[in-house]
């Protein structure tokens, strides 16, 4: 399960994220839902996203990027 600080992050428009280049551009809620279906791997995808993204990247962007990584891995 992904924890998030503050409900305002759930309202971040997808077009404001930095990770829309991966072919699937979910909103925050959709990305969070996907990660929550992967309780054993969701944290690993979050860690990978945090390592790949610049320091100071918003939580919403990290969650979306992590979900994109997970979806790409699940599709292969």
PDB file of N, CA and C in Angstrom:
ATOM      1  N   UNK A   1       0.843  -1.182   0.000  1.00  0.00           N
ATOM      2  CA  UNK A   1       0.000   0.000   0.000  1.00  0.00           C
ATOM      3  C   UNK A   1       0.886   1.242   0.000  1.00  0.00           C
ATOM      4  N   UNK A   2       0.509   2.208  -0.779  1.00  0.00           N
ATOM      5  CA  UNK A   2       1.256   3.445  -0.889  1.00  0.00           C
ATOM      6  C   UNK A   2       0.653   4.466   0.059  1.00  0.00           C
ATOM      7  N   UNK A   3       1.472   5.070   0.899  1.00  0.00           N
ATOM      8  CA  UNK A   3       0.941   6.114   1.762  1.00  0.00           C
ATOM      9  C   UNK A   3       1.200   7.464   1.111  1.00  0.00           C
ATOM     10  N   UNK A   4       0.299   8.375   1.318  1.00  0.00           N
ATOM     11  CA  UNK A   4       0.404   9.679   0.682  1.00  0.00           C
ATOM     12  C   UNK A   4       0.123  10.751   1.712  1.00  0.00           C
ATOM     13  N   UNK A   5       0.926  11.808   1.666  1.00  0.00           N
ATOM     14  CA  UNK A   5       0.703  12.917   2.578  1.00  0.00           C
ATOM     15  C   UNK A   5      -0.285  13.889   1.962  1.00  0.00           C
ATOM     16  N   UNK A   6      -1.493  13.902   2.474  1.00  0.00           N
ATOM     17  CA  UNK A   6      -2.472  14.904   2.070  1.00  0.00           C
ATOM     18  C   UNK A   6      -3.357  14.489   0.907  1.00  0.00           C
ATOM     19  N   UNK A   7      -4.615  14.791   1.022  1.00  0.00           N
ATOM     20  CA  UNK A   7      -5.577  14.434  -0.016  1.00  0.00           C
ATOM     21  C   UNK A   7      -5.446  15.305  -1.255  1.00  0.00           C
ATOM     22  N   UNK A   8      -4.788  16.442  -1.151  1.00  0.00           N
ATOM     23  CA  UNK A   8      -4.666  17.336  -2.304  1.00  0.00           C
ATOM     24  C   UNK A   8      -3.909  16.680  -3.443  1.00  0.00           C
ATOM     25  N   UNK A   9      -3.017  15.751  -3.157  1.00  0.00           N
ATOM     26  CA  UNK A   9      -2.254  15.088  -4.205  1.00  0.00           C
ATOM     27  C   UNK A   9      -3.149  14.277  -5.129  1.00  0.00           C
ATOM     28  N   UNK A  10      -4.270  13.815  -4.640  1.00  0.00           N
ATOM     29  CA  UNK A  10      -5.170  13.010  -5.458  1.00  0.00           C
ATOM     30  C   UNK A  10      -5.790  13.824  -6.588  1.00  0.00           C
ATOM     31  N   UNK A  11      -5.756  15.128  -6.484  1.00  0.00           N
ATOM     32  CA  UNK A  11      -6.386  15.974  -7.482  1.00  0.00           C
ATOM     33  C   UNK A  11      -5.404  16.521  -8.517  1.00  0.00           C
ATOM     34  N   UNK A  12      -4.158  16.063  -8.507  1.00  0.00           N
ATOM     35  CA  UNK A  12      -3.163  16.573  -9.448  1.00  0.00           C
ATOM     36  C   UNK A  12      -3.513  16.118 -10.867  1.00  0.00           C
ATOM     37  N   UNK A  13      -3.708  17.041 -11.789  1.00  0.00           N
ATOM     38  CA  UNK A  13      -4.023  16.655 -13.171  1.00  0.00           C
ATOM     39  C   UNK A  13      -2.864  15.883 -13.795  1.00  0.00           C
ATOM     40  N   UNK A  14      -3.183  14.860 -14.578  1.00  0.00           N
ATOM     41  CA  UNK A  14      -2.157  14.022 -15.185  1.00  0.00           C
ATOM     42  C   UNK A  14      -1.219  14.825 -16.077  1.00  0.00           C
ATOM     43  N   UNK A  15      -1.723  15.849 -16.755  1.00  0.00           N
ATOM     44  CA  UNK A  15      -0.870  16.619 -17.652  1.00  0.00           C
ATOM     45  C   UNK A  15       0.194  17.420 -16.914  1.00  0.00           C
ATOM     46  N   UNK A  16       0.079  17.531 -15.597  1.00  0.00           N
ATOM     47  CA  UNK A  16       1.078  18.241 -14.818  1.00  0.00           C
ATOM     48  C   UNK A  16       2.173  17.311 -14.300  1.00  0.00           C
ATOM     49  N   UNK A  17       2.094  16.050 -14.606  1.00  0.00           N
ATOM     50  CA  UNK A  17       3.132  15.132 -14.157  1.00  0.00           C
ATOM     51  C   UNK A  17       4.324  15.190 -15.098  1.00  0.00           C
ATOM     52  N   UNK A  18       5.432  14.631 -14.676  1.00  0.00           N
ATOM     53  CA  UNK A  18       6.622  14.621 -15.520  1.00  0.00           C
ATOM     54  C   UNK A  18       6.828  13.271 -16.168  1.00  0.00           C
ATOM     55  N   UNK A  19       5.904  12.355 -15.974  1.00  0.00           N
ATOM     56  CA  UNK A  19       6.128  10.983 -16.414  1.00  0.00           C
ATOM     57  C   UNK A  19       5.185  10.525 -17.522  1.00  0.00           C
ATOM     58  N   UNK A  20       4.574  11.441 -18.236  1.00  0.00           N
ATOM     59  CA  UNK A  20       3.588  11.066 -19.250  1.00  0.00           C
ATOM     60  C   UNK A  20       4.201  10.480 -20.516  1.00  0.00           C
ATOM     61  N   UNK A  21       5.502  10.423 -20.619  1.00  0.00           N
ATOM     62  CA  UNK A  21       6.156   9.908 -21.816  1.00  0.00           C
ATOM     63  C   UNK A  21       6.130   8.384 -21.919  1.00  0.00           C
ATOM     64  N   UNK A  22       5.632   7.680 -20.934  1.00  0.00           N
ATOM     65  CA  UNK A  22       5.704   6.228 -20.926  1.00  0.00           C
ATOM     66  C   UNK A  22       4.528   5.554 -21.639  1.00  0.00           C
ATOM     67  N   UNK A  23       3.653   6.287 -22.286  1.00  0.00           N
ATOM     68  CA  UNK A  23       2.587   5.690 -23.076  1.00  0.00           C
ATOM     69  C   UNK A  23       1.286   5.454 -22.328  1.00  0.00           C
ATOM     70  N   UNK A  24       1.289   5.490 -21.036  1.00  0.00           N
ATOM     71  CA  UNK A  24       0.075   5.358 -20.221  1.00  0.00           C
ATOM     72  C   UNK A  24       0.116   6.520 -19.263  1.00  0.00           C
ATOM     73  N   UNK A  25      -0.848   7.375 -19.336  1.00  0.00           N
ATOM     74  CA  UNK A  25      -0.842   8.598 -18.553  1.00  0.00           C
ATOM     75  C   UNK A  25      -1.983   8.587 -17.545  1.00  0.00           C
ATOM     76  N   UNK A  26      -1.839   7.798 -16.473  1.00  0.00           N
ATOM     77  CA  UNK A  26      -2.918   7.717 -15.482  1.00  0.00           C
ATOM     78  C   UNK A  26      -2.965   8.969 -14.625  1.00  0.00           C
ATOM     79  N   UNK A  27      -4.118   9.197 -14.013  1.00  0.00           N
ATOM     80  CA  UNK A  27      -4.153  10.238 -13.000  1.00  0.00           C
ATOM     81  C   UNK A  27      -3.635   9.617 -11.700  1.00  0.00           C
ATOM     82  N   UNK A  28      -3.480  10.440 -10.698  1.00  0.00           N
ATOM     83  CA  UNK A  28      -2.901   9.973  -9.432  1.00  0.00           C
ATOM     84  C   UNK A  28      -3.695   8.817  -8.836  1.00  0.00           C
ATOM     85  N   UNK A  29      -5.010   8.948  -8.828  1.00  0.00           N
ATOM     86  CA  UNK A  29      -5.863   7.931  -8.195  1.00  0.00           C
ATOM     87  C   UNK A  29      -5.732   6.585  -8.920  1.00  0.00           C
ATOM     88  N   UNK A  30      -5.733   6.616 -10.240  1.00  0.00           N
ATOM     89  CA  UNK A  30      -5.595   5.392 -11.028  1.00  0.00           C
ATOM     90  C   UNK A  30      -4.233   4.729 -10.781  1.00  0.00           C
ATOM     91  N   UNK A  31      -3.190   5.541 -10.709  1.00  0.00           N
ATOM     92  CA  UNK A  31      -1.850   5.018 -10.448  1.00  0.00           C
ATOM     93  C   UNK A  31      -1.761   4.408  -9.054  1.00  0.00           C
ATOM     94  N   UNK A  32      -2.314   5.100  -8.085  1.00  0.00           N
ATOM     95  CA  UNK A  32      -2.307   4.606  -6.713  1.00  0.00           C
ATOM     96  C   UNK A  32      -3.076   3.295  -6.593  1.00  0.00           C
ATOM     97  N   UNK A  33      -4.212   3.223  -7.279  1.00  0.00           N
ATOM     98  CA  UNK A  33      -5.006   1.988  -7.263  1.00  0.00           C
ATOM     99  C   UNK A  33      -4.218   0.815  -7.811  1.00  0.00           C
ATOM    100  N   UNK A  34      -3.478   1.034  -8.907  1.00  0.00           N
ATOM    101  CA  UNK A  34      -2.683  -0.046  -9.474  1.00  0.00           C
ATOM    102  C   UNK A  34      -1.622  -0.510  -8.483  1.00  0.00           C
ATOM    103  N   UNK A  35      -0.910   0.419  -7.869  1.00  0.00           N
ATOM    104  CA  UNK A  35       0.137   0.032  -6.917  1.00  0.00           C
ATOM    105  C   UNK A  35      -0.431  -0.712  -5.713  1.00  0.00           C
ATOM    106  N   UNK A  36      -1.634  -0.366  -5.317  1.00  0.00           N
ATOM    107  CA  UNK A  36      -2.248  -1.040  -4.173  1.00  0.00           C
ATOM    108  C   UNK A  36      -2.651  -2.470  -4.496  1.00  0.00           C
ATOM    109  N   UNK A  37      -2.778  -2.800  -5.788  1.00  0.00           N
ATOM    110  CA  UNK A  37      -3.078  -4.179  -6.165  1.00  0.00           C
ATOM    111  C   UNK A  37      -1.814  -5.039  -6.153  1.00  0.00           C
ATOM    112  N   UNK A  38      -0.665  -4.407  -5.952  1.00  0.00           N
ATOM    113  CA  UNK A  38       0.627  -5.103  -5.926  1.00  0.00           C
ATOM    114  C   UNK A  38       1.297  -4.900  -4.573  1.00  0.00           C
ATOM    115  N   UNK A  39       0.696  -5.383  -3.487  1.00  0.00           N
ATOM    116  CA  UNK A  39       1.226  -5.065  -2.165  1.00  0.00           C
ATOM    117  C   UNK A  39       2.669  -5.501  -1.949  1.00  0.00           C
ATOM    118  N   UNK A  40       3.081  -6.591  -2.581  1.00  0.00           N
ATOM    119  CA  UNK A  40       4.455  -7.054  -2.387  1.00  0.00           C
ATOM    120  C   UNK A  40       5.448  -6.314  -3.273  1.00  0.00           C
ATOM    121  N   UNK A  41       4.983  -5.731  -4.376  1.00  0.00           N
ATOM    122  CA  UNK A  41       5.877  -5.066  -5.318  1.00  0.00           C
ATOM    123  C   UNK A  41       5.696  -3.555  -5.379  1.00  0.00           C
ATOM    124  N   UNK A  42       4.597  -3.048  -4.870  1.00  0.00           N
ATOM    125  CA  UNK A  42       4.334  -1.611  -4.936  1.00  0.00           C
ATOM    126  C   UNK A  42       5.447  -0.785  -4.336  1.00  0.00           C
ATOM    127  N   UNK A  43       5.976  -1.209  -3.204  1.00  0.00           N
ATOM    128  CA  UNK A  43       7.080  -0.493  -2.558  1.00  0.00           C
ATOM    129  C   UNK A  43       8.347  -0.532  -3.391  1.00  0.00           C
ATOM    130  N   UNK A  44       8.585  -1.645  -4.060  1.00  0.00           N
ATOM    131  CA  UNK A  44       9.767  -1.762  -4.914  1.00  0.00           C
ATOM    132  C   UNK A  44       9.657  -0.814  -6.113  1.00  0.00           C
ATOM    133  N   UNK A  45       8.457  -0.705  -6.683  1.00  0.00           N
ATOM    134  CA  UNK A  45       8.282   0.226  -7.800  1.00  0.00           C
ATOM    135  C   UNK A  45       8.393   1.671  -7.326  1.00  0.00           C
ATOM    136  N   UNK A  46       7.920   1.958  -6.125  1.00  0.00           N
ATOM    137  CA  UNK A  46       8.086   3.306  -5.570  1.00  0.00           C
ATOM    138  C   UNK A  46       9.564   3.623  -5.379  1.00  0.00           C
ATOM    139  N   UNK A  47      10.321   2.667  -4.856  1.00  0.00           N
ATOM    140  CA  UNK A  47      11.762   2.876  -4.657  1.00  0.00           C
ATOM    141  C   UNK A  47      12.461   3.108  -5.995  1.00  0.00           C
ATOM    142  N   UNK A  48      12.068   2.354  -7.017  1.00  0.00           N
ATOM    143  CA  UNK A  48      12.664   2.525  -8.346  1.00  0.00           C
ATOM    144  C   UNK A  48      12.331   3.901  -8.912  1.00  0.00           C
ATOM    145  N   UNK A  49      11.108   4.342  -8.710  1.00  0.00           N
ATOM    146  CA  UNK A  49      10.708   5.661  -9.194  1.00  0.00           C
ATOM    147  C   UNK A  49      11.486   6.753  -8.479  1.00  0.00           C
ATOM    148  N   UNK A  50      11.629   6.628  -7.161  1.00  0.00           N
ATOM    149  CA  UNK A  50      12.360   7.636  -6.402  1.00  0.00           C
ATOM    150  C   UNK A  50      13.824   7.694  -6.820  1.00  0.00           C
ATOM    151  N   UNK A  51      14.404   6.543  -7.180  1.00  0.00           N
ATOM    152  CA  UNK A  51      15.793   6.514  -7.628  1.00  0.00           C
ATOM    153  C   UNK A  51      15.944   7.138  -9.020  1.00  0.00           C
ATOM    154  N   UNK A  52      14.927   6.996  -9.857  1.00  0.00           N
ATOM    155  CA  UNK A  52      15.013   7.471 -11.235  1.00  0.00           C
ATOM    156  C   UNK A  52      14.671   8.952 -11.387  1.00  0.00           C
ATOM    157  N   UNK A  53      13.849   9.474 -10.491  1.00  0.00           N
ATOM    158  CA  UNK A  53      13.377  10.848 -10.621  1.00  0.00           C
ATOM    159  C   UNK A  53      14.251  11.800  -9.818  1.00  0.00           C
ATOM    160  N   UNK A  54      14.283  13.061 -10.215  1.00  0.00           N
ATOM    161  CA  UNK A  54      15.099  14.041  -9.492  1.00  0.00           C
ATOM    162  C   UNK A  54      14.621  14.260  -8.059  1.00  0.00           C
ATOM    163  N   UNK A  55      15.544  14.619  -7.201  1.00  0.00           N
ATOM    164  CA  UNK A  55      15.213  14.959  -5.818  1.00  0.00           C
ATOM    165  C   UNK A  55      14.202  16.100  -5.826  1.00  0.00           C
ATOM    166  N   UNK A  56      13.209  15.995  -4.984  1.00  0.00           N
ATOM    167  CA  UNK A  56      12.188  17.031  -4.892  1.00  0.00           C
ATOM    168  C   UNK A  56      10.987  16.803  -5.785  1.00  0.00           C
ATOM    169  N   UNK A  57      10.967  15.677  -6.506  1.00  0.00           N
ATOM    170  CA  UNK A  57       9.816  15.365  -7.354  1.00  0.00           C
ATOM    171  C   UNK A  57       8.590  15.177  -6.469  1.00  0.00           C
ATOM    172  N   UNK A  58       7.471  15.744  -6.885  1.00  0.00           N
ATOM    173  CA  UNK A  58       6.245  15.642  -6.087  1.00  0.00           C
ATOM    174  C   UNK A  58       5.827  14.193  -5.892  1.00  0.00           C
ATOM    175  N   UNK A  59       5.183  13.920  -4.780  1.00  0.00           N
ATOM    176  CA  UNK A  59       4.716  12.574  -4.471  1.00  0.00           C
ATOM    177  C   UNK A  59       3.797  12.046  -5.571  1.00  0.00           C
ATOM    178  N   UNK A  60       2.898  12.863  -6.066  1.00  0.00           N
ATOM    179  CA  UNK A  60       1.983  12.416  -7.122  1.00  0.00           C
ATOM    180  C   UNK A  60       2.754  11.944  -8.342  1.00  0.00           C
ATOM    181  N   UNK A  61       3.795  12.669  -8.715  1.00  0.00           N
ATOM    182  CA  UNK A  61       4.603  12.267  -9.865  1.00  0.00           C
ATOM    183  C   UNK A  61       5.343  10.962  -9.599  1.00  0.00           C
ATOM    184  N   UNK A  62       5.820  10.784  -8.381  1.00  0.00           N
ATOM    185  CA  UNK A  62       6.509   9.536  -8.033  1.00  0.00           C
ATOM    186  C   UNK A  62       5.557   8.353  -8.095  1.00  0.00           C
ATOM    187  N   UNK A  63       4.351   8.521  -7.591  1.00  0.00           N
ATOM    188  CA  UNK A  63       3.355   7.442  -7.605  1.00  0.00           C
ATOM    189  C   UNK A  63       2.980   7.096  -9.044  1.00  0.00           C
ATOM    190  N   UNK A  64       2.750   8.113  -9.864  1.00  0.00           N
ATOM    191  CA  UNK A  64       2.385   7.868 -11.266  1.00  0.00           C
ATOM    192  C   UNK A  64       3.526   7.171 -11.995  1.00  0.00           C
ATOM    193  N   UNK A  65       4.738   7.623 -11.795  1.00  0.00           N
ATOM    194  CA  UNK A  65       5.884   7.005 -12.461  1.00  0.00           C
ATOM    195  C   UNK A  65       6.050   5.556 -12.003  1.00  0.00           C
ATOM    196  N   UNK A  66       5.893   5.305 -10.708  1.00  0.00           N
ATOM    197  CA  UNK A  66       5.995   3.936 -10.178  1.00  0.00           C
ATOM    198  C   UNK A  66       4.930   3.040 -10.791  1.00  0.00           C
ATOM    199  N   UNK A  67       3.716   3.549 -10.920  1.00  0.00           N
ATOM    200  CA  UNK A  67       2.637   2.752 -11.532  1.00  0.00           C
ATOM    201  C   UNK A  67       2.936   2.472 -12.998  1.00  0.00           C
ATOM    202  N   UNK A  68       3.523   3.451 -13.678  1.00  0.00           N
ATOM    203  CA  UNK A  68       3.881   3.233 -15.074  1.00  0.00           C
ATOM    204  C   UNK A  68       4.961   2.149 -15.192  1.00  0.00           C
ATOM    205  N   UNK A  69       5.936   2.182 -14.291  1.00  0.00           N
ATOM    206  CA  UNK A  69       6.963   1.142 -14.284  1.00  0.00           C
ATOM    207  C   UNK A  69       6.325  -0.225 -14.043  1.00  0.00           C
ATOM    208  N   UNK A  70       5.409  -0.297 -13.085  1.00  0.00           N
ATOM    209  CA  UNK A  70       4.745  -1.555 -12.760  1.00  0.00           C
ATOM    210  C   UNK A  70       3.938  -2.064 -13.950  1.00  0.00           C
ATOM    211  N   UNK A  71       3.178  -1.193 -14.566  1.00  0.00           N
ATOM    212  CA  UNK A  71       2.347  -1.610 -15.701  1.00  0.00           C
ATOM    213  C   UNK A  71       3.206  -2.105 -16.855  1.00  0.00           C
ATOM    214  N   UNK A  72       4.305  -1.410 -17.104  1.00  0.00           N
ATOM    215  CA  UNK A  72       5.210  -1.834 -18.174  1.00  0.00           C
ATOM    216  C   UNK A  72       5.799  -3.218 -17.868  1.00  0.00           C
ATOM    217  N   UNK A  73       6.192  -3.428 -16.620  1.00  0.00           N
ATOM    218  CA  UNK A  73       6.757  -4.726 -16.226  1.00  0.00           C
ATOM    219  C   UNK A  73       5.713  -5.841 -16.304  1.00  0.00           C
ATOM    220  N   UNK A  74       4.497  -5.540 -15.911  1.00  0.00           N
ATOM    221  CA  UNK A  74       3.428  -6.551 -15.950  1.00  0.00           C
ATOM    222  C   UNK A  74       3.037  -6.906 -17.379  1.00  0.00           C
ATOM    223  N   UNK A  75       3.198  -5.951 -18.288  1.00  0.00           N
ATOM    224  CA  UNK A  75       2.840  -6.200 -19.685  1.00  0.00           C
ATOM    225  C   UNK A  75       3.871  -7.055 -20.413  1.00  0.00           C
ATOM    226  N   UNK A  76       5.077  -7.099 -19.869  1.00  0.00           N
ATOM    227  CA  UNK A  76       6.117  -7.877 -20.573  1.00  0.00           C
ATOM    228  C   UNK A  76       6.253  -9.285 -20.059  1.00  0.00           C
TER     229      UNK A  76
END
